[in-house]
PDB file of N, CA and C in Angstrom:
ATOM      1  N   MET A   1      28.490 -29.926 -55.148  1.00  0.00           N
ATOM      2  CA  MET A   1      27.651 -28.797 -55.527  1.00  0.00           C
ATOM      3  C   MET A   1      27.917 -27.581 -54.635  1.00  0.00           C
ATOM      4  N   ASP A   2      28.265 -27.825 -53.366  1.00  0.00           N
ATOM      5  CA  ASP A   2      28.529 -26.710 -52.463  1.00  0.00           C
ATOM      6  C   ASP A   2      29.718 -25.879 -52.930  1.00  0.00           C
ATOM      7  N   ASP A   3      30.648 -26.495 -53.619  1.00  0.00           N
ATOM      8  CA  ASP A   3      31.808 -25.762 -54.120  1.00  0.00           C
ATOM      9  C   ASP A   3      31.415 -24.723 -55.170  1.00  0.00           C
ATOM     10  N   TYR A   4      30.312 -24.954 -55.865  1.00  0.00           N
ATOM     11  CA  TYR A   4      29.873 -24.063 -56.938  1.00  0.00           C
ATOM     12  C   TYR A   4      28.782 -23.091 -56.505  1.00  0.00           C
ATOM     13  N   ARG A   5      28.378 -23.127 -55.251  1.00  0.00           N
ATOM     14  CA  ARG A   5      27.316 -22.251 -54.751  1.00  0.00           C
ATOM     15  C   ARG A   5      27.642 -20.762 -54.963  1.00  0.00           C
ATOM     16  N   PRO A   6      28.862 -20.277 -54.646  1.00  0.00           N
ATOM     17  CA  PRO A   6      29.167 -18.862 -54.901  1.00  0.00           C
ATOM     18  C   PRO A   6      29.027 -18.480 -56.376  1.00  0.00           C
ATOM     19  N   LEU A   7      29.384 -19.384 -57.258  1.00  0.00           N
ATOM     20  CA  LEU A   7      29.240 -19.124 -58.682  1.00  0.00           C
ATOM     21  C   LEU A   7      27.757 -18.996 -59.061  1.00  0.00           C
ATOM     22  N   GLY A   8      26.912 -19.801 -58.433  1.00  0.00           N
ATOM     23  CA  GLY A   8      25.467 -19.722 -58.669  1.00  0.00           C
ATOM     24  C   GLY A   8      24.893 -18.387 -58.211  1.00  0.00           C
ATOM     25  N   VAL A   9      25.387 -17.880 -57.086  1.00  0.00           N
ATOM     26  CA  VAL A   9      24.930 -16.581 -56.584  1.00  0.00           C
ATOM     27  C   VAL A   9      25.301 -15.476 -57.569  1.00  0.00           C
ATOM     28  N   VAL A  10      26.513 -15.515 -58.074  1.00  0.00           N
ATOM     29  CA  VAL A  10      26.957 -14.524 -59.065  1.00  0.00           C
ATOM     30  C   VAL A  10      26.138 -14.642 -60.353  1.00  0.00           C
ATOM     31  N   ALA A  11      25.848 -15.855 -60.779  1.00  0.00           N
ATOM     32  CA  ALA A  11      25.048 -16.065 -61.992  1.00  0.00           C
ATOM     33  C   ALA A  11      23.625 -15.540 -61.796  1.00  0.00           C
ATOM     34  N   ASP A  12      23.024 -15.801 -60.637  1.00  0.00           N
ATOM     35  CA  ASP A  12      21.672 -15.298 -60.352  1.00  0.00           C
ATOM     36  C   ASP A  12      21.647 -13.772 -60.354  1.00  0.00           C
ATOM     37  N   PHE A  13      22.640 -13.163 -59.706  1.00  0.00           N
ATOM     38  CA  PHE A  13      22.718 -11.705 -59.654  1.00  0.00           C
ATOM     39  C   PHE A  13      22.905 -11.128 -61.059  1.00  0.00           C
ATOM     40  N   SER A  14      23.729 -11.753 -61.855  1.00  0.00           N
ATOM     41  CA  SER A  14      23.954 -11.299 -63.233  1.00  0.00           C
ATOM     42  C   SER A  14      22.689 -11.420 -64.066  1.00  0.00           C
ATOM     43  N   THR A  15      21.913 -12.457 -63.831  1.00  0.00           N
ATOM     44  CA  THR A  15      20.643 -12.628 -64.540  1.00  0.00           C
ATOM     45  C   THR A  15      19.682 -11.505 -64.181  1.00  0.00           C
ATOM     46  N   LEU A  16      19.611 -11.149 -62.898  1.00  0.00           N
ATOM     47  CA  LEU A  16      18.761 -10.039 -62.482  1.00  0.00           C
ATOM     48  C   LEU A  16      19.187  -8.738 -63.163  1.00  0.00           C
ATOM     49  N   LEU A  17      20.483  -8.490 -63.186  1.00  0.00           N
ATOM     50  CA  LEU A  17      20.991  -7.264 -63.806  1.00  0.00           C
ATOM     51  C   LEU A  17      20.652  -7.179 -65.287  1.00  0.00           C
ATOM     52  N   SER A  18      20.723  -8.297 -65.982  1.00  0.00           N
ATOM     53  CA  SER A  18      20.459  -8.277 -67.419  1.00  0.00           C
ATOM     54  C   SER A  18      18.971  -8.301 -67.744  1.00  0.00           C
ATOM     55  N   THR A  19      18.146  -8.787 -66.825  1.00  0.00           N
ATOM     56  CA  THR A  19      16.706  -8.879 -67.064  1.00  0.00           C
ATOM     57  C   THR A  19      15.991  -7.586 -66.706  1.00  0.00           C
ATOM     58  N   TYR A  20      16.323  -7.033 -65.552  1.00  0.00           N
ATOM     59  CA  TYR A  20      15.644  -5.839 -65.049  1.00  0.00           C
ATOM     60  C   TYR A  20      16.631  -4.684 -65.033  1.00  0.00           C
ATOM     61  N   PHE A  21      16.467  -3.743 -65.944  1.00  0.00           N
ATOM     62  CA  PHE A  21      17.384  -2.615 -65.986  1.00  0.00           C
ATOM     63  C   PHE A  21      16.656  -1.288 -65.841  1.00  0.00           C
ATOM     64  N   LYS A  22      15.415  -1.168 -66.354  1.00  0.00           N
ATOM     65  CA  LYS A  22      14.689   0.087 -66.254  1.00  0.00           C
ATOM     66  C   LYS A  22      14.049   0.191 -64.869  1.00  0.00           C
ATOM     67  N   GLY A  23      14.377   1.240 -64.149  1.00  0.00           N
ATOM     68  CA  GLY A  23      13.814   1.454 -62.823  1.00  0.00           C
ATOM     69  C   GLY A  23      14.595   0.783 -61.711  1.00  0.00           C
ATOM     70  N   PHE A  24      15.707   0.168 -62.027  1.00  0.00           N
ATOM     71  CA  PHE A  24      16.522  -0.528 -61.029  1.00  0.00           C
ATOM     72  C   PHE A  24      17.920   0.080 -61.000  1.00  0.00           C
ATOM     73  N   THR A  25      18.605  -0.119 -59.897  1.00  0.00           N
ATOM     74  CA  THR A  25      19.988   0.338 -59.789  1.00  0.00           C
ATOM     75  C   THR A  25      20.786  -0.600 -58.890  1.00  0.00           C
ATOM     76  N   VAL A  26      22.083  -0.571 -59.067  1.00  0.00           N
ATOM     77  CA  VAL A  26      22.998  -1.338 -58.219  1.00  0.00           C
ATOM     78  C   VAL A  26      23.701  -0.346 -57.306  1.00  0.00           C
ATOM     79  N   ILE A  27      23.699  -0.648 -56.028  1.00  0.00           N
ATOM     80  CA  ILE A  27      24.380   0.195 -55.050  1.00  0.00           C
ATOM     81  C   ILE A  27      25.480  -0.634 -54.410  1.00  0.00           C
ATOM     82  N   ILE A  28      26.678  -0.096 -54.449  1.00  0.00           N
ATOM     83  CA  ILE A  28      27.825  -0.781 -53.855  1.00  0.00           C
ATOM     84  C   ILE A  28      28.280   0.011 -52.641  1.00  0.00           C
ATOM     85  N   GLU A  29      28.264  -0.644 -51.496  1.00  0.00           N
ATOM     86  CA  GLU A  29      28.743  -0.032 -50.265  1.00  0.00           C
ATOM     87  C   GLU A  29      30.137  -0.580 -49.986  1.00  0.00           C
ATOM     88  N   PRO A  30      31.147   0.280 -50.032  1.00  0.00           N
ATOM     89  CA  PRO A  30      32.510  -0.213 -49.803  1.00  0.00           C
ATOM     90  C   PRO A  30      32.716  -0.604 -48.345  1.00  0.00           C
ATOM     91  N   TYR A  31      33.748  -1.343 -48.115  1.00  0.00           N
ATOM     92  CA  TYR A  31      34.069  -1.745 -46.750  1.00  0.00           C
ATOM     93  C   TYR A  31      34.633  -0.543 -46.001  1.00  0.00           C
ATOM     94  N   PRO A  32      34.446  -0.518 -44.690  1.00  0.00           N
ATOM     95  CA  PRO A  32      34.996   0.598 -43.898  1.00  0.00           C
ATOM     96  C   PRO A  32      36.525   0.634 -43.977  1.00  0.00           C
ATOM     97  N   ASP A  33      37.091   1.823 -43.869  1.00  0.00           N
ATOM     98  CA  ASP A  33      38.547   1.986 -43.943  1.00  0.00           C
ATOM     99  C   ASP A  33      39.287   1.235 -42.852  1.00  0.00           C
ATOM    100  N   ASP A  34      38.678   1.139 -41.671  1.00  0.00           N
ATOM    101  CA  ASP A  34      39.362   0.478 -40.564  1.00  0.00           C
ATOM    102  C   ASP A  34      39.175  -1.040 -40.573  1.00  0.00           C
ATOM    103  N   ASN A  35      38.412  -1.542 -41.527  1.00  0.00           N
ATOM    104  CA  ASN A  35      38.144  -2.975 -41.604  1.00  0.00           C
ATOM    105  C   ASN A  35      39.254  -3.659 -42.421  1.00  0.00           C
ATOM    106  N   ILE A  36      39.856  -4.668 -41.856  1.00  0.00           N
ATOM    107  CA  ILE A  36      40.917  -5.368 -42.588  1.00  0.00           C
ATOM    108  C   ILE A  36      40.366  -6.492 -43.461  1.00  0.00           C
ATOM    109  N   ILE A  37      39.079  -6.805 -43.285  1.00  0.00           N
ATOM    110  CA  ILE A  37      38.435  -7.820 -44.115  1.00  0.00           C
ATOM    111  C   ILE A  37      37.754  -7.098 -45.278  1.00  0.00           C
ATOM    112  N   TYR A  38      38.155  -7.415 -46.494  1.00  0.00           N
ATOM    113  CA  TYR A  38      37.588  -6.772 -47.667  1.00  0.00           C
ATOM    114  C   TYR A  38      36.270  -7.445 -48.009  1.00  0.00           C
ATOM    115  N   ASP A  39      35.181  -6.801 -47.607  1.00  0.00           N
ATOM    116  CA  ASP A  39      33.862  -7.391 -47.780  1.00  0.00           C
ATOM    117  C   ASP A  39      32.847  -6.323 -48.201  1.00  0.00           C
ATOM    118  N   PRO A  40      32.989  -5.762 -49.407  1.00  0.00           N
ATOM    119  CA  PRO A  40      32.008  -4.763 -49.842  1.00  0.00           C
ATOM    120  C   PRO A  40      30.646  -5.414 -50.086  1.00  0.00           C
ATOM    121  N   LEU A  41      29.609  -4.617 -50.033  1.00  0.00           N
ATOM    122  CA  LEU A  41      28.243  -5.101 -50.197  1.00  0.00           C
ATOM    123  C   LEU A  41      27.674  -4.532 -51.495  1.00  0.00           C
ATOM    124  N   MET A  42      27.194  -5.399 -52.379  1.00  0.00           N
ATOM    125  CA  MET A  42      26.573  -4.991 -53.630  1.00  0.00           C
ATOM    126  C   MET A  42      25.112  -5.425 -53.582  1.00  0.00           C
ATOM    127  N   GLN A  43      24.202  -4.438 -53.763  1.00  0.00           N
ATOM    128  CA  GLN A  43      22.770  -4.730 -53.689  1.00  0.00           C
ATOM    129  C   GLN A  43      22.067  -4.187 -54.930  1.00  0.00           C
ATOM    130  N   PHE A  44      20.961  -4.827 -55.275  1.00  0.00           N
ATOM    131  CA  PHE A  44      20.161  -4.496 -56.447  1.00  0.00           C
ATOM    132  C   PHE A  44      18.830  -3.949 -55.952  1.00  0.00           C
ATOM    133  N   TYR A  45      18.507  -2.691 -56.252  1.00  0.00           N
ATOM    134  CA  TYR A  45      17.312  -2.035 -55.743  1.00  0.00           C
ATOM    135  C   TYR A  45      16.361  -1.646 -56.864  1.00  0.00           C
ATOM    136  N   CYS A  46      15.062  -1.784 -56.587  1.00  0.00           N
ATOM    137  CA  CYS A  46      14.023  -1.271 -57.473  1.00  0.00           C
ATOM    138  C   CYS A  46      13.673   0.128 -56.995  1.00  0.00           C
ATOM    139  N   LEU A  47      13.829   1.115 -57.864  1.00  0.00           N
ATOM    140  CA  LEU A  47      13.537   2.499 -57.505  1.00  0.00           C
ATOM    141  C   LEU A  47      12.213   2.992 -58.084  1.00  0.00           C
ATOM    142  N   ASP A  48      11.516   2.146 -58.818  1.00  0.00           N
ATOM    143  CA  ASP A  48      10.260   2.525 -59.464  1.00  0.00           C
ATOM    144  C   ASP A  48       9.124   1.689 -58.886  1.00  0.00           C
ATOM    145  N   ALA A  49       8.352   2.268 -57.977  1.00  0.00           N
ATOM    146  CA  ALA A  49       7.273   1.541 -57.312  1.00  0.00           C
ATOM    147  C   ALA A  49       6.173   1.107 -58.280  1.00  0.00           C
ATOM    148  N   SER A  50       6.056   1.777 -59.419  1.00  0.00           N
ATOM    149  CA  SER A  50       5.011   1.403 -60.378  1.00  0.00           C
ATOM    150  C   SER A  50       5.251   0.003 -60.952  1.00  0.00           C
ATOM    151  N   LEU A  51       6.492  -0.453 -60.971  1.00  0.00           N
ATOM    152  CA  LEU A  51       6.775  -1.802 -61.468  1.00  0.00           C
ATOM    153  C   LEU A  51       6.158  -2.871 -60.567  1.00  0.00           C
ATOM    154  N   ALA A  52       6.111  -2.608 -59.273  1.00  0.00           N
ATOM    155  CA  ALA A  52       5.529  -3.565 -58.334  1.00  0.00           C
ATOM    156  C   ALA A  52       4.008  -3.489 -58.309  1.00  0.00           C
ATOM    157  N   THR A  53       3.429  -2.311 -58.528  1.00  0.00           N
ATOM    158  CA  THR A  53       1.978  -2.158 -58.447  1.00  0.00           C
ATOM    159  C   THR A  53       1.255  -2.442 -59.755  1.00  0.00           C
ATOM    160  N   LYS A  54       1.954  -2.363 -60.864  1.00  0.00           N
ATOM    161  CA  LYS A  54       1.322  -2.571 -62.171  1.00  0.00           C
ATOM    162  C   LYS A  54       0.582  -3.912 -62.270  1.00  0.00           C
ATOM    163  N   PRO A  55       1.166  -5.029 -61.808  1.00  0.00           N
ATOM    164  CA  PRO A  55       0.432  -6.297 -61.863  1.00  0.00           C
ATOM    165  C   PRO A  55      -0.841  -6.280 -60.995  1.00  0.00           C
ATOM    166  N   LEU A  56      -0.829  -5.554 -59.883  1.00  0.00           N
ATOM    167  CA  LEU A  56      -2.036  -5.459 -59.046  1.00  0.00           C
ATOM    168  C   LEU A  56      -3.142  -4.717 -59.772  1.00  0.00           C
ATOM    169  N   PHE A  57      -2.789  -3.602 -60.395  1.00  0.00           N
ATOM    170  CA  PHE A  57      -3.793  -2.826 -61.120  1.00  0.00           C
ATOM    171  C   PHE A  57      -4.340  -3.605 -62.315  1.00  0.00           C
ATOM    172  N   ALA A  58      -3.545  -4.456 -62.901  1.00  0.00           N
ATOM    173  CA  ALA A  58      -3.998  -5.261 -64.037  1.00  0.00           C
ATOM    174  C   ALA A  58      -4.897  -6.415 -63.588  1.00  0.00           C
ATOM    175  N   LYS A  59      -4.636  -6.961 -62.412  1.00  0.00           N
ATOM    176  CA  LYS A  59      -5.370  -8.143 -61.949  1.00  0.00           C
ATOM    177  C   LYS A  59      -6.713  -7.802 -61.300  1.00  0.00           C
ATOM    178  N   TYR A  60      -6.774  -6.678 -60.580  1.00  0.00           N
ATOM    179  CA  TYR A  60      -7.982  -6.347 -59.828  1.00  0.00           C
ATOM    180  C   TYR A  60      -8.671  -5.125 -60.406  1.00  0.00           C
ATOM    181  N   ARG A  61      -9.989  -5.137 -60.327  1.00  0.00           N
ATOM    182  CA  ARG A  61     -10.768  -4.021 -60.844  1.00  0.00           C
ATOM    183  C   ARG A  61     -10.702  -2.813 -59.913  1.00  0.00           C
ATOM    184  N   ASN A  62     -10.686  -3.074 -58.606  1.00  0.00           N
ATOM    185  CA  ASN A  62     -10.616  -2.007 -57.609  1.00  0.00           C
ATOM    186  C   ASN A  62      -9.446  -2.258 -56.670  1.00  0.00           C
ATOM    187  N   VAL A  63      -8.660  -1.233 -56.437  1.00  0.00           N
ATOM    188  CA  VAL A  63      -7.528  -1.301 -55.520  1.00  0.00           C
ATOM    189  C   VAL A  63      -7.618  -0.093 -54.600  1.00  0.00           C
ATOM    190  N   ILE A  64      -7.523  -0.328 -53.298  1.00  0.00           N
ATOM    191  CA  ILE A  64      -7.544   0.762 -52.321  1.00  0.00           C
ATOM    192  C   ILE A  64      -6.128   0.944 -51.782  1.00  0.00           C
ATOM    193  N   LEU A  65      -5.614   2.153 -51.911  1.00  0.00           N
ATOM    194  CA  LEU A  65      -4.283   2.473 -51.416  1.00  0.00           C
ATOM    195  C   LEU A  65      -4.406   3.430 -50.244  1.00  0.00           C
ATOM    196  N   THR A  66      -3.649   3.191 -49.211  1.00  0.00           N
ATOM    197  CA  THR A  66      -3.638   4.092 -48.061  1.00  0.00           C
ATOM    198  C   THR A  66      -2.192   4.370 -47.668  1.00  0.00           C
ATOM    199  N   SER A  67      -1.994   5.510 -47.055  1.00  0.00           N
ATOM    200  CA  SER A  67      -0.670   5.860 -46.564  1.00  0.00           C
ATOM    201  C   SER A  67      -0.804   6.952 -45.525  1.00  0.00           C
ATOM    202  N   GLY A  68       0.032   6.881 -44.537  1.00  0.00           N
ATOM    203  CA  GLY A  68       0.087   7.941 -43.551  1.00  0.00           C
ATOM    204  C   GLY A  68       1.260   8.863 -43.800  1.00  0.00           C
ATOM    205  N   THR A  69       2.019   8.596 -44.843  1.00  0.00           N
ATOM    206  CA  THR A  69       3.242   9.373 -45.050  1.00  0.00           C
ATOM    207  C   THR A  69       3.314  10.097 -46.387  1.00  0.00           C
ATOM    208  N   ILE A  70       2.658   9.618 -47.419  1.00  0.00           N
ATOM    209  CA  ILE A  70       2.768  10.296 -48.715  1.00  0.00           C
ATOM    210  C   ILE A  70       1.852  11.509 -48.731  1.00  0.00           C
ATOM    211  N   SER A  71       2.465  12.637 -48.860  1.00  0.00           N
ATOM    212  CA  SER A  71       1.727  13.880 -48.903  1.00  0.00           C
ATOM    213  C   SER A  71       2.497  14.831 -49.814  1.00  0.00           C
ATOM    214  N   PRO A  72       1.850  15.454 -50.736  1.00  0.00           N
ATOM    215  CA  PRO A  72       0.420  15.487 -51.013  1.00  0.00           C
ATOM    216  C   PRO A  72      -0.064  14.211 -51.705  1.00  0.00           C
ATOM    217  N   ILE A  73      -1.329  13.947 -51.573  1.00  0.00           N
ATOM    218  CA  ILE A  73      -1.927  12.712 -52.095  1.00  0.00           C
ATOM    219  C   ILE A  73      -1.836  12.633 -53.618  1.00  0.00           C
ATOM    220  N   GLU A  74      -1.687  13.764 -54.271  1.00  0.00           N
ATOM    221  CA  GLU A  74      -1.593  13.783 -55.733  1.00  0.00           C
ATOM    222  C   GLU A  74      -0.333  13.083 -56.243  1.00  0.00           C
ATOM    223  N   MET A  75       0.585  12.767 -55.345  1.00  0.00           N
ATOM    224  CA  MET A  75       1.815  12.084 -55.750  1.00  0.00           C
ATOM    225  C   MET A  75       1.580  10.610 -56.071  1.00  0.00           C
ATOM    226  N   TYR A  76       0.561   9.992 -55.431  1.00  0.00           N
ATOM    227  CA  TYR A  76       0.282   8.567 -55.673  1.00  0.00           C
ATOM    228  C   TYR A  76       0.160   8.230 -57.155  1.00  0.00           C
ATOM    229  N   PRO A  77      -0.752   8.879 -57.888  1.00  0.00           N
ATOM    230  CA  PRO A  77      -0.887   8.533 -59.311  1.00  0.00           C
ATOM    231  C   PRO A  77       0.383   8.766 -60.115  1.00  0.00           C
ATOM    232  N   LYS A  78       1.150   9.773 -59.760  1.00  0.00           N
ATOM    233  CA  LYS A  78       2.384  10.055 -60.488  1.00  0.00           C
ATOM    234  C   LYS A  78       3.450   9.008 -60.193  1.00  0.00           C
ATOM    235  N   ILE A  79       3.585   8.639 -58.938  1.00  0.00           N
ATOM    236  CA  ILE A  79       4.615   7.677 -58.545  1.00  0.00           C
ATOM    237  C   ILE A  79       4.274   6.278 -59.052  1.00  0.00           C
ATOM    238  N   LEU A  80       3.004   5.892 -58.928  1.00  0.00           N
ATOM    239  CA  LEU A  80       2.587   4.521 -59.251  1.00  0.00           C
ATOM    240  C   LEU A  80       2.046   4.370 -60.664  1.00  0.00           C
ATOM    241  N   ASP A  81       1.961   5.450 -61.419  1.00  0.00           N
ATOM    242  CA  ASP A  81       1.547   5.422 -62.817  1.00  0.00           C
ATOM    243  C   ASP A  81       0.159   4.804 -63.011  1.00  0.00           C
ATOM    244  N   PHE A  82      -0.854   5.459 -62.406  1.00  0.00           N
ATOM    245  CA  PHE A  82      -2.239   5.013 -62.591  1.00  0.00           C
ATOM    246  C   PHE A  82      -3.155   6.227 -62.564  1.00  0.00           C
ATOM    247  N   THR A  83      -4.390   6.031 -63.019  1.00  0.00           N
ATOM    248  CA  THR A  83      -5.401   7.086 -62.999  1.00  0.00           C
ATOM    249  C   THR A  83      -6.435   6.728 -61.937  1.00  0.00           C
ATOM    250  N   PRO A  84      -6.545   7.511 -60.876  1.00  0.00           N
ATOM    251  CA  PRO A  84      -7.473   7.171 -59.796  1.00  0.00           C
ATOM    252  C   PRO A  84      -8.924   7.464 -60.169  1.00  0.00           C
ATOM    253  N   LYS A  85      -9.833   6.676 -59.614  1.00  0.00           N
ATOM    254  CA  LYS A  85     -11.268   6.932 -59.769  1.00  0.00           C
ATOM    255  C   LYS A  85     -11.725   7.907 -58.697  1.00  0.00           C
ATOM    256  N   VAL A  86     -11.234   7.701 -57.457  1.00  0.00           N
ATOM    257  CA  VAL A  86     -11.574   8.564 -56.326  1.00  0.00           C
ATOM    258  C   VAL A  86     -10.310   8.774 -55.502  1.00  0.00           C
ATOM    259  N   MET A  87     -10.092  10.016 -55.073  1.00  0.00           N
ATOM    260  CA  MET A  87      -8.977  10.304 -54.163  1.00  0.00           C
ATOM    261  C   MET A  87      -9.517  11.141 -53.023  1.00  0.00           C
ATOM    262  N   LYS A  88      -9.138  10.789 -51.804  1.00  0.00           N
ATOM    263  CA  LYS A  88      -9.602  11.542 -50.644  1.00  0.00           C
ATOM    264  C   LYS A  88      -8.490  11.629 -49.621  1.00  0.00           C
ATOM    265  N   ALA A  89      -8.214  12.828 -49.147  1.00  0.00           N
ATOM    266  CA  ALA A  89      -7.243  13.035 -48.079  1.00  0.00           C
ATOM    267  C   ALA A  89      -7.996  13.507 -46.842  1.00  0.00           C
ATOM    268  N   PHE A  90      -7.628  12.971 -45.713  1.00  0.00           N
ATOM    269  CA  PHE A  90      -8.260  13.341 -44.452  1.00  0.00           C
ATOM    270  C   PHE A  90      -7.285  14.128 -43.600  1.00  0.00           C
ATOM    271  N   ASP A  91      -7.793  15.182 -42.969  1.00  0.00           N
ATOM    272  CA  ASP A  91      -6.966  15.935 -42.037  1.00  0.00           C
ATOM    273  C   ASP A  91      -6.744  15.104 -40.785  1.00  0.00           C
ATOM    274  N   ILE A  92      -5.651  15.362 -40.113  1.00  0.00           N
ATOM    275  CA  ILE A  92      -5.361  14.646 -38.885  1.00  0.00           C
ATOM    276  C   ILE A  92      -6.350  15.099 -37.809  1.00  0.00           C
ATOM    277  N   ALA A  93      -6.908  14.140 -37.070  1.00  0.00           N
ATOM    278  CA  ALA A  93      -7.939  14.442 -36.090  1.00  0.00           C
ATOM    279  C   ALA A  93      -7.383  14.658 -34.690  1.00  0.00           C
ATOM    280  N   LEU A  94      -6.132  14.324 -34.465  1.00  0.00           N
ATOM    281  CA  LEU A  94      -5.520  14.457 -33.138  1.00  0.00           C
ATOM    282  C   LEU A  94      -4.695  15.735 -33.068  1.00  0.00           C
ATOM    283  N   PRO A  95      -4.661  16.353 -31.891  1.00  0.00           N
ATOM    284  CA  PRO A  95      -3.765  17.495 -31.752  1.00  0.00           C
ATOM    285  C   PRO A  95      -2.311  17.048 -31.872  1.00  0.00           C
ATOM    286  N   ARG A  96      -1.446  17.899 -32.332  1.00  0.00           N
ATOM    287  CA  ARG A  96      -0.051  17.542 -32.584  1.00  0.00           C
ATOM    288  C   ARG A  96       0.650  16.978 -31.343  1.00  0.00           C
ATOM    289  N   ASN A  97       0.349  17.490 -30.163  1.00  0.00           N
ATOM    290  CA  ASN A  97       1.033  17.015 -28.971  1.00  0.00           C
ATOM    291  C   ASN A  97       0.570  15.621 -28.536  1.00  0.00           C
ATOM    292  N   ALA A  98      -0.466  15.086 -29.189  1.00  0.00           N
ATOM    293  CA  ALA A  98      -0.961  13.738 -28.851  1.00  0.00           C
ATOM    294  C   ALA A  98      -0.312  12.668 -29.717  1.00  0.00           C
ATOM    295  N   ILE A  99       0.445  13.080 -30.712  1.00  0.00           N
ATOM    296  CA  ILE A  99       1.045  12.103 -31.631  1.00  0.00           C
ATOM    297  C   ILE A  99       2.405  11.696 -31.103  1.00  0.00           C
TER     298      ILE A  99
END
């Protein structure tokens, strides 16, 4: 079975590619020019955060989202594809030189 393990990895990756296509992308990083070992890296990325949050919004009646980096706060509903009940942004309470 160990002889067929690489084939299983390729089959699993191919299944992901054929199952999830909307909101996903494949990124291929080539090997460095000075590297004599040909070992490029192929990765499968989800670029649509709403795909991950949609099951949470469906399962729970109330969801609280917080972030210290997304600004303006109005981007949350657009990025995650939901309609908020309440949205509140707080100003930073510390002086800039304390951060």
